[in-house]
Protein backbone atom coordinates (compact mmCIF):
# COMPACT_ATOMS: atom_id res chain seq x y z
CA LEU A 1 16.33 1.40 15.06
CA ALA A 2 17.42 3.27 11.94
CA PHE A 3 16.69 0.16 9.86
CA LEU A 4 13.16 -0.13 11.28
CA SER A 5 12.56 3.56 10.66
CA GLU A 6 13.61 3.20 7.03
CA GLN A 7 11.43 0.09 6.61
CA ASN A 8 8.46 2.01 8.04
CA ALA A 9 9.07 4.93 5.67
CA MET A 10 9.28 2.53 2.70
CA LEU A 11 6.01 0.88 3.73
CA ILE A 12 4.28 4.26 3.93
CA ARG A 13 5.65 5.28 0.50
CA ASN A 14 4.63 1.97 -1.09
CA THR A 15 1.14 2.14 0.39
CA ASN A 16 0.82 5.71 -0.88
CA VAL A 17 1.79 4.59 -4.39
CA ILE A 18 -0.84 1.82 -4.28
CA TYR A 19 -3.44 4.32 -3.03
CA SER A 20 -2.55 6.78 -5.80
CA VAL A 21 -2.91 4.12 -8.48
CA LEU A 22 -6.22 2.86 -7.09
CA SER A 23 -7.65 6.37 -6.79
CA GLY A 24 -6.57 7.35 -10.30
CA LYS A 25 -4.05 10.03 -9.34
CA GLU A 26 -1.43 10.79 -11.95
CA LYS A 27 1.13 12.20 -9.53
CA VAL A 28 2.35 10.43 -6.40
CA GLU A 29 3.29 12.60 -3.44
CA ASP A 30 6.85 12.00 -2.23
CA ASN A 31 6.44 13.06 1.38
CA ILE A 32 3.26 12.00 3.10
CA SER A 33 2.59 11.58 6.78
CA LEU A 34 1.14 8.42 8.24
CA GLY A 35 -1.93 10.37 9.40
CA ASP A 36 -2.64 11.68 5.89
CA LEU A 37 -2.21 8.21 4.47
CA LEU A 38 -4.62 6.69 6.99
CA ARG A 39 -7.21 9.37 6.18
CA GLN A 40 -6.92 8.54 2.48
CA LEU A 41 -7.21 4.82 3.15
CA ASN A 42 -10.59 5.30 4.85
CA ASP A 43 -12.15 5.50 1.39
CA PRO A 44 -14.23 2.29 0.98
CA ASP A 45 -13.26 1.86 -2.69
CA VAL A 46 -9.58 2.09 -1.83
CA LYS A 47 -10.02 -0.43 0.99
CA ARG A 48 -11.66 -2.89 -1.40
CA GLY A 49 -8.88 -2.38 -3.92
CA LEU A 50 -6.17 -2.92 -1.30
CA PHE A 51 -7.85 -6.09 -0.05
CA LEU A 52 -8.02 -7.35 -3.64
CA VAL A 53 -4.30 -6.65 -4.13
CA LEU A 54 -3.52 -8.45 -0.85
CA LYS A 55 -5.63 -11.47 -1.89
CA ILE A 56 -3.79 -11.65 -5.20
CA LEU A 57 -0.40 -11.45 -3.46
CA LYS A 58 -1.49 -14.15 -1.00
CA ALA A 59 -2.58 -16.41 -3.87
CA ILE A 60 0.74 -15.86 -5.64
CA GLY A 61 2.61 -16.68 -2.43
CA SER A 62 0.57 -19.84 -1.88
CA ALA A 63 1.12 -20.97 -5.47
CA SER A 64 4.86 -20.41 -5.24
CA LYS A 65 5.05 -22.50 -2.04
CA GLU A 66 3.20 -25.39 -3.70
CA GLY A 67 4.97 -25.36 -7.01
């Protein structure tokens, strides 16, 4: 359970870093709640940016499987 909790916290921190980069923030908040993060991710521009990042990661994963 502790491992899953830590993994969840890391996911929230990583998503917050991605959001901060996409929204042009210079400082990344260290402690952010899941609710605050979800509110920030409702921004349509941020959603498009995240989907683009996910598509790129998927393409990289597919290419590494093939080659």
